[in-house]
Amino acid sequence: MSFLKPKVYIPPAPPPPPPPAQAGEEDTERAAALSEEATKKARKKKGAGSTIVAGAGMADDTTATATGTGGTPTLLG
């Protein structure tokens, strides 16, 4: 039943990539030290200073009291 199969040329699969090079001991130690340093910097950045407060400084007091919906803005505005 070859009439059911389309006559399309399918190219052969590409050859597999070469295996990755082995890292030396010095490279592994350097990578570990850089990783630890980056982790420490990331932990220092986290904290109360990076917290985003929803609605802080978003609306004036005049607009909040004029609408009559309350004084605190929400995430929806």
PDB file of N, CA and C in Angstrom:
ATOM      1  N   MET A   1       0.827  -1.195   0.000  1.00  0.00           N
ATOM      2  CA  MET A   1       0.000   0.000   0.000  1.00  0.00           C
ATOM      3  C   MET A   1       0.862   1.246   0.000  1.00  0.00           C
ATOM      4  N   SER A   2       1.735   1.327  -0.928  1.00  0.00           N
ATOM      5  CA  SER A   2       2.630   2.474  -0.990  1.00  0.00           C
ATOM      6  C   SER A   2       1.914   3.732  -1.454  1.00  0.00           C
ATOM      7  N   PHE A   3       0.723   3.651  -2.013  1.00  0.00           N
ATOM      8  CA  PHE A   3       0.018   4.846  -2.459  1.00  0.00           C
ATOM      9  C   PHE A   3      -0.506   5.673  -1.290  1.00  0.00           C
ATOM     10  N   LEU A   4      -0.536   5.125  -0.081  1.00  0.00           N
ATOM     11  CA  LEU A   4      -0.987   5.870   1.092  1.00  0.00           C
ATOM     12  C   LEU A   4       0.126   6.681   1.735  1.00  0.00           C
ATOM     13  N   LYS A   5       1.364   6.354   1.428  1.00  0.00           N
ATOM     14  CA  LYS A   5       2.493   7.068   2.010  1.00  0.00           C
ATOM     15  C   LYS A   5       2.905   8.226   1.100  1.00  0.00           C
ATOM     16  N   PRO A   6       3.126   9.418   1.657  1.00  0.00           N
ATOM     17  CA  PRO A   6       3.560  10.533   0.811  1.00  0.00           C
ATOM     18  C   PRO A   6       4.998  10.325   0.337  1.00  0.00           C
ATOM     19  N   LYS A   7       5.286  10.830  -0.849  1.00  0.00           N
ATOM     20  CA  LYS A   7       6.629  10.706  -1.415  1.00  0.00           C
ATOM     21  C   LYS A   7       7.433  11.944  -1.025  1.00  0.00           C
ATOM     22  N   VAL A   8       7.921  11.940   0.170  1.00  0.00           N
ATOM     23  CA  VAL A   8       8.689  13.055   0.719  1.00  0.00           C
ATOM     24  C   VAL A   8      10.061  12.534   1.120  1.00  0.00           C
ATOM     25  N   TYR A   9      11.091  13.269   0.717  1.00  0.00           N
ATOM     26  CA  TYR A   9      12.448  12.891   1.090  1.00  0.00           C
ATOM     27  C   TYR A   9      12.724  13.363   2.510  1.00  0.00           C
ATOM     28  N   ILE A  10      13.113  12.484   3.376  1.00  0.00           N
ATOM     29  CA  ILE A  10      13.459  12.823   4.761  1.00  0.00           C
ATOM     30  C   ILE A  10      14.970  12.692   4.889  1.00  0.00           C
ATOM     31  N   PRO A  11      15.650  13.817   5.171  1.00  0.00           N
ATOM     32  CA  PRO A  11      17.110  13.751   5.288  1.00  0.00           C
ATOM     33  C   PRO A  11      17.529  12.935   6.509  1.00  0.00           C
ATOM     34  N   PRO A  12      18.711  12.351   6.453  1.00  0.00           N
ATOM     35  CA  PRO A  12      19.183  11.574   7.611  1.00  0.00           C
ATOM     36  C   PRO A  12      19.446  12.478   8.811  1.00  0.00           C
ATOM     37  N   ALA A  13      19.411  11.916   9.978  1.00  0.00           N
ATOM     38  CA  ALA A  13      19.632  12.672  11.210  1.00  0.00           C
ATOM     39  C   ALA A  13      21.076  13.175  11.257  1.00  0.00           C
ATOM     40  N   PRO A  14      21.300  14.367  11.837  1.00  0.00           N
ATOM     41  CA  PRO A  14      22.664  14.880  11.943  1.00  0.00           C
ATOM     42  C   PRO A  14      23.491  14.031  12.904  1.00  0.00           C
ATOM     43  N   PRO A  15      24.795  14.077  12.762  1.00  0.00           N
ATOM     44  CA  PRO A  15      25.637  13.288  13.663  1.00  0.00           C
ATOM     45  C   PRO A  15      25.552  13.828  15.091  1.00  0.00           C
ATOM     46  N   PRO A  16      25.764  12.994  16.078  1.00  0.00           N
ATOM     47  CA  PRO A  16      25.675  13.457  17.466  1.00  0.00           C
ATOM     48  C   PRO A  16      26.799  14.448  17.775  1.00  0.00           C
ATOM     49  N   PRO A  17      26.553  15.382  18.687  1.00  0.00           N
ATOM     50  CA  PRO A  17      27.586  16.352  19.042  1.00  0.00           C
ATOM     51  C   PRO A  17      28.749  15.669  19.761  1.00  0.00           C
ATOM     52  N   PRO A  18      29.914  16.289  19.723  1.00  0.00           N
ATOM     53  CA  PRO A  18      31.057  15.685  20.419  1.00  0.00           C
ATOM     54  C   PRO A  18      30.842  15.724  21.935  1.00  0.00           C
ATOM     55  N   PRO A  19      31.434  14.820  22.668  1.00  0.00           N
ATOM     56  CA  PRO A  19      31.252  14.820  24.125  1.00  0.00           C
ATOM     57  C   PRO A  19      31.886  16.074  24.743  1.00  0.00           C
ATOM     58  N   PRO A  20      31.324  16.552  25.844  1.00  0.00           N
ATOM     59  CA  PRO A  20      31.867  17.761  26.477  1.00  0.00           C
ATOM     60  C   PRO A  20      33.265  17.503  27.040  1.00  0.00           C
ATOM     61  N   ALA A  21      34.060  18.556  27.041  1.00  0.00           N
ATOM     62  CA  ALA A  21      35.421  18.451  27.575  1.00  0.00           C
ATOM     63  C   ALA A  21      35.367  18.350  29.100  1.00  0.00           C
ATOM     64  N   GLN A  22      36.277  17.600  29.658  1.00  0.00           N
ATOM     65  CA  GLN A  22      36.339  17.444  31.104  1.00  0.00           C
ATOM     66  C   GLN A  22      36.998  18.677  31.722  1.00  0.00           C
ATOM     67  N   ALA A  23      36.390  19.194  32.784  1.00  0.00           N
ATOM     68  CA  ALA A  23      36.942  20.357  33.474  1.00  0.00           C
ATOM     69  C   ALA A  23      38.061  19.908  34.407  1.00  0.00           C
ATOM     70  N   GLY A  24      39.091  20.733  34.482  1.00  0.00           N
ATOM     71  CA  GLY A  24      40.201  20.422  35.376  1.00  0.00           C
ATOM     72  C   GLY A  24      39.859  20.727  36.818  1.00  0.00           C
ATOM     73  N   GLU A  25      40.714  20.308  37.712  1.00  0.00           N
ATOM     74  CA  GLU A  25      40.497  20.536  39.146  1.00  0.00           C
ATOM     75  C   GLU A  25      40.490  22.028  39.471  1.00  0.00           C
ATOM     76  N   GLU A  26      41.397  22.771  38.826  1.00  0.00           N
ATOM     77  CA  GLU A  26      41.484  24.216  39.085  1.00  0.00           C
ATOM     78  C   GLU A  26      40.212  24.921  38.626  1.00  0.00           C
ATOM     79  N   ASP A  27      39.679  24.529  37.468  1.00  0.00           N
ATOM     80  CA  ASP A  27      38.446  25.139  36.971  1.00  0.00           C
ATOM     81  C   ASP A  27      37.268  24.840  37.891  1.00  0.00           C
ATOM     82  N   THR A  28      37.224  23.635  38.413  1.00  0.00           N
ATOM     83  CA  THR A  28      36.135  23.258  39.306  1.00  0.00           C
ATOM     84  C   THR A  28      36.186  24.063  40.595  1.00  0.00           C
ATOM     85  N   GLU A  29      37.371  24.250  41.151  1.00  0.00           N
ATOM     86  CA  GLU A  29      37.509  25.047  42.381  1.00  0.00           C
ATOM     87  C   GLU A  29      37.134  26.496  42.133  1.00  0.00           C
ATOM     88  N   ARG A  30      37.551  27.038  40.999  1.00  0.00           N
ATOM     89  CA  ARG A  30      37.236  28.433  40.686  1.00  0.00           C
ATOM     90  C   ARG A  30      35.729  28.615  40.512  1.00  0.00           C
ATOM     91  N   ALA A  31      35.078  27.670  39.839  1.00  0.00           N
ATOM     92  CA  ALA A  31      33.640  27.756  39.639  1.00  0.00           C
ATOM     93  C   ALA A  31      32.885  27.662  40.969  1.00  0.00           C
ATOM     94  N   ALA A  32      33.355  26.806  41.861  1.00  0.00           N
ATOM     95  CA  ALA A  32      32.710  26.682  43.167  1.00  0.00           C
ATOM     96  C   ALA A  32      32.854  27.969  43.975  1.00  0.00           C
ATOM     97  N   ALA A  33      34.026  28.588  43.914  1.00  0.00           N
ATOM     98  CA  ALA A  33      34.243  29.836  44.655  1.00  0.00           C
ATOM     99  C   ALA A  33      33.367  30.953  44.097  1.00  0.00           C
ATOM    100  N   LEU A  34      33.262  31.048  42.768  1.00  0.00           N
ATOM    101  CA  LEU A  34      32.415  32.077  42.169  1.00  0.00           C
ATOM    102  C   LEU A  34      30.943  31.841  42.493  1.00  0.00           C
ATOM    103  N   SER A  35      30.544  30.596  42.538  1.00  0.00           N
ATOM    104  CA  SER A  35      29.162  30.272  42.864  1.00  0.00           C
ATOM    105  C   SER A  35      28.828  30.677  44.297  1.00  0.00           C
ATOM    106  N   GLU A  36      29.721  30.376  45.220  1.00  0.00           N
ATOM    107  CA  GLU A  36      29.493  30.754  46.619  1.00  0.00           C
ATOM    108  C   GLU A  36      29.429  32.269  46.773  1.00  0.00           C
ATOM    109  N   GLU A  37      30.294  32.976  46.064  1.00  0.00           N
ATOM    110  CA  GLU A  37      30.309  34.440  46.146  1.00  0.00           C
ATOM    111  C   GLU A  37      29.002  35.017  45.603  1.00  0.00           C
ATOM    112  N   ALA A  38      28.520  34.483  44.496  1.00  0.00           N
ATOM    113  CA  ALA A  38      27.271  34.971  43.917  1.00  0.00           C
ATOM    114  C   ALA A  38      26.095  34.672  44.836  1.00  0.00           C
ATOM    115  N   THR A  39      26.111  33.531  45.498  1.00  0.00           N
ATOM    116  CA  THR A  39      25.043  33.179  46.429  1.00  0.00           C
ATOM    117  C   THR A  39      25.027  34.135  47.615  1.00  0.00           C
ATOM    118  N   LYS A  40      26.194  34.473  48.131  1.00  0.00           N
ATOM    119  CA  LYS A  40      26.268  35.401  49.260  1.00  0.00           C
ATOM    120  C   LYS A  40      25.749  36.775  48.871  1.00  0.00           C
ATOM    121  N   LYS A  41      26.097  37.244  47.667  1.00  0.00           N
ATOM    122  CA  LYS A  41      25.615  38.554  47.212  1.00  0.00           C
ATOM    123  C   LYS A  41      24.104  38.555  47.048  1.00  0.00           C
ATOM    124  N   ALA A  42      23.555  37.466  46.525  1.00  0.00           N
ATOM    125  CA  ALA A  42      22.109  37.383  46.332  1.00  0.00           C
ATOM    126  C   ALA A  42      21.390  37.387  47.672  1.00  0.00           C
ATOM    127  N   ARG A  43      21.956  36.720  48.671  1.00  0.00           N
ATOM    128  CA  ARG A  43      21.321  36.700  49.994  1.00  0.00           C
ATOM    129  C   ARG A  43      21.387  38.064  50.661  1.00  0.00           C
ATOM    130  N   LYS A  44      22.459  38.811  50.414  1.00  0.00           N
ATOM    131  CA  LYS A  44      22.563  40.149  50.998  1.00  0.00           C
ATOM    132  C   LYS A  44      21.526  41.083  50.395  1.00  0.00           C
ATOM    133  N   LYS A  45      21.184  40.895  49.124  1.00  0.00           N
ATOM    134  CA  LYS A  45      20.224  41.772  48.462  1.00  0.00           C
ATOM    135  C   LYS A  45      18.809  41.551  48.969  1.00  0.00           C
ATOM    136  N   LYS A  46      18.487  40.326  49.376  1.00  0.00           N
ATOM    137  CA  LYS A  46      17.136  40.048  49.858  1.00  0.00           C
ATOM    138  C   LYS A  46      16.952  40.654  51.241  1.00  0.00           C
ATOM    139  N   GLY A  47      15.725  40.977  51.545  1.00  0.00           N
ATOM    140  CA  GLY A  47      15.435  41.507  52.867  1.00  0.00           C
ATOM    141  C   GLY A  47      14.335  42.547  52.811  1.00  0.00           C
ATOM    142  N   ALA A  48      14.232  43.334  53.860  1.00  0.00           N
ATOM    143  CA  ALA A  48      13.159  44.312  53.952  1.00  0.00           C
ATOM    144  C   ALA A  48      13.307  45.407  52.896  1.00  0.00           C
ATOM    145  N   GLY A  49      14.506  45.700  52.478  1.00  0.00           N
ATOM    146  CA  GLY A  49      14.704  46.756  51.495  1.00  0.00           C
ATOM    147  C   GLY A  49      14.184  46.401  50.124  1.00  0.00           C
ATOM    148  N   SER A  50      14.061  45.124  49.802  1.00  0.00           N
ATOM    149  CA  SER A  50      13.601  44.739  48.478  1.00  0.00           C
ATOM    150  C   SER A  50      12.110  44.403  48.444  1.00  0.00           C
ATOM    151  N   THR A  51      11.402  44.550  49.554  1.00  0.00           N
ATOM    152  CA  THR A  51       9.984  44.249  49.605  1.00  0.00           C
ATOM    153  C   THR A  51       9.196  45.359  48.919  1.00  0.00           C
ATOM    154  N   ILE A  52       8.286  44.987  48.037  1.00  0.00           N
ATOM    155  CA  ILE A  52       7.451  45.958  47.337  1.00  0.00           C
ATOM    156  C   ILE A  52       6.115  46.036  48.061  1.00  0.00           C
ATOM    157  N   VAL A  53       5.748  47.221  48.473  1.00  0.00           N
ATOM    158  CA  VAL A  53       4.495  47.430  49.182  1.00  0.00           C
ATOM    159  C   VAL A  53       3.459  47.885  48.176  1.00  0.00           C
ATOM    160  N   ALA A  54       2.363  47.161  48.062  1.00  0.00           N
ATOM    161  CA  ALA A  54       1.319  47.509  47.108  1.00  0.00           C
ATOM    162  C   ALA A  54       0.614  48.776  47.555  1.00  0.00           C
ATOM    163  N   GLY A  55       0.519  49.708  46.663  1.00  0.00           N
ATOM    164  CA  GLY A  55      -0.236  50.918  46.927  1.00  0.00           C
ATOM    165  C   GLY A  55       0.533  52.007  47.638  1.00  0.00           C
ATOM    166  N   ALA A  56       1.787  51.827  47.959  1.00  0.00           N
ATOM    167  CA  ALA A  56       2.541  52.868  48.645  1.00  0.00           C
ATOM    168  C   ALA A  56       2.800  54.019  47.678  1.00  0.00           C
ATOM    169  N   GLY A  57       2.202  55.169  47.980  1.00  0.00           N
ATOM    170  CA  GLY A  57       2.398  56.342  47.133  1.00  0.00           C
ATOM    171  C   GLY A  57       1.658  56.257  45.816  1.00  0.00           C
ATOM    172  N   MET A  58       0.697  55.379  45.701  1.00  0.00           N
ATOM    173  CA  MET A  58      -0.018  55.201  44.443  1.00  0.00           C
ATOM    174  C   MET A  58      -1.145  56.225  44.290  1.00  0.00           C
ATOM    175  N   ALA A  59      -1.861  56.528  45.349  1.00  0.00           N
ATOM    176  CA  ALA A  59      -3.008  57.419  45.232  1.00  0.00           C
ATOM    177  C   ALA A  59      -2.893  58.536  46.264  1.00  0.00           C
ATOM    178  N   ASP A  60      -3.475  59.674  45.916  1.00  0.00           N
ATOM    179  CA  ASP A  60      -3.509  60.800  46.856  1.00  0.00           C
ATOM    180  C   ASP A  60      -4.647  60.589  47.851  1.00  0.00           C
ATOM    181  N   ASP A  61      -4.574  61.310  48.961  1.00  0.00           N
ATOM    182  CA  ASP A  61      -5.651  61.226  49.942  1.00  0.00           C
ATOM    183  C   ASP A  61      -6.929  61.841  49.395  1.00  0.00           C
ATOM    184  N   THR A  62      -6.805  62.841  48.521  1.00  0.00           N
ATOM    185  CA  THR A  62      -7.995  63.513  47.993  1.00  0.00           C
ATOM    186  C   THR A  62      -8.798  62.584  47.092  1.00  0.00           C
ATOM    187  N   THR A  63      -8.150  61.778  46.284  1.00  0.00           N
ATOM    188  CA  THR A  63      -8.885  60.873  45.396  1.00  0.00           C
ATOM    189  C   THR A  63      -9.517  59.732  46.177  1.00  0.00           C
ATOM    190  N   ALA A  64      -8.856  59.281  47.231  1.00  0.00           N
ATOM    191  CA  ALA A  64      -9.396  58.179  48.015  1.00  0.00           C
ATOM    192  C   ALA A  64     -10.640  58.605  48.775  1.00  0.00           C
ATOM    193  N   THR A  65     -10.650  59.823  49.312  1.00  0.00           N
ATOM    194  CA  THR A  65     -11.821  60.277  50.060  1.00  0.00           C
ATOM    195  C   THR A  65     -12.913  60.763  49.122  1.00  0.00           C
ATOM    196  N   ALA A  66     -12.545  61.230  47.928  1.00  0.00           N
ATOM    197  CA  ALA A  66     -13.552  61.722  47.000  1.00  0.00           C
ATOM    198  C   ALA A  66     -14.377  60.575  46.422  1.00  0.00           C
ATOM    199  N   THR A  67     -13.794  59.444  46.223  1.00  0.00           N
ATOM    200  CA  THR A  67     -14.540  58.311  45.666  1.00  0.00           C
ATOM    201  C   THR A  67     -15.385  57.629  46.725  1.00  0.00           C
ATOM    202  N   GLY A  68     -14.995  57.734  47.976  1.00  0.00           N
ATOM    203  CA  GLY A  68     -15.775  57.156  49.059  1.00  0.00           C
ATOM    204  C   GLY A  68     -15.553  55.661  49.220  1.00  0.00           C
ATOM    205  N   THR A  69     -14.535  55.093  48.594  1.00  0.00           N
ATOM    206  CA  THR A  69     -14.311  53.656  48.691  1.00  0.00           C
ATOM    207  C   THR A  69     -13.397  53.290  49.837  1.00  0.00           C
ATOM    208  N   GLY A  70     -12.801  54.264  50.471  1.00  0.00           N
ATOM    209  CA  GLY A  70     -11.888  53.965  51.552  1.00  0.00           C
ATOM    210  C   GLY A  70     -10.596  54.722  51.336  1.00  0.00           C
ATOM    211  N   GLY A  71      -9.700  54.607  52.281  1.00  0.00           N
ATOM    212  CA  GLY A  71      -8.478  55.376  52.195  1.00  0.00           C
ATOM    213  C   GLY A  71      -7.271  54.588  51.730  1.00  0.00           C
ATOM    214  N   THR A  72      -7.372  53.265  51.654  1.00  0.00           N
ATOM    215  CA  THR A  72      -6.200  52.492  51.280  1.00  0.00           C
ATOM    216  C   THR A  72      -6.354  51.930  49.878  1.00  0.00           C
ATOM    217  N   PRO A  73      -5.400  52.144  49.012  1.00  0.00           N
ATOM    218  CA  PRO A  73      -5.482  51.586  47.669  1.00  0.00           C
ATOM    219  C   PRO A  73      -5.221  50.079  47.682  1.00  0.00           C
ATOM    220  N   THR A  74      -5.760  49.391  46.719  1.00  0.00           N
ATOM    221  CA  THR A  74      -5.566  47.957  46.616  1.00  0.00           C
ATOM    222  C   THR A  74      -4.763  47.628  45.370  1.00  0.00           C
ATOM    223  N   LEU A  75      -4.520  46.362  45.133  1.00  0.00           N
ATOM    224  CA  LEU A  75      -3.785  45.967  43.940  1.00  0.00           C
ATOM    225  C   LEU A  75      -4.557  46.272  42.668  1.00  0.00           C
ATOM    226  N   LEU A  76      -5.888  46.304  42.755  1.00  0.00           N
ATOM    227  CA  LEU A  76      -6.701  46.577  41.587  1.00  0.00           C
ATOM    228  C   LEU A  76      -6.870  48.062  41.323  1.00  0.00           C
ATOM    229  N   GLY A  77      -6.431  48.885  42.230  1.00  0.00           N
ATOM    230  CA  GLY A  77      -6.499  50.322  41.997  1.00  0.00           C
ATOM    231  C   GLY A  77      -7.543  50.939  42.761  1.00  0.00           C
TER     232      GLY A  77
END
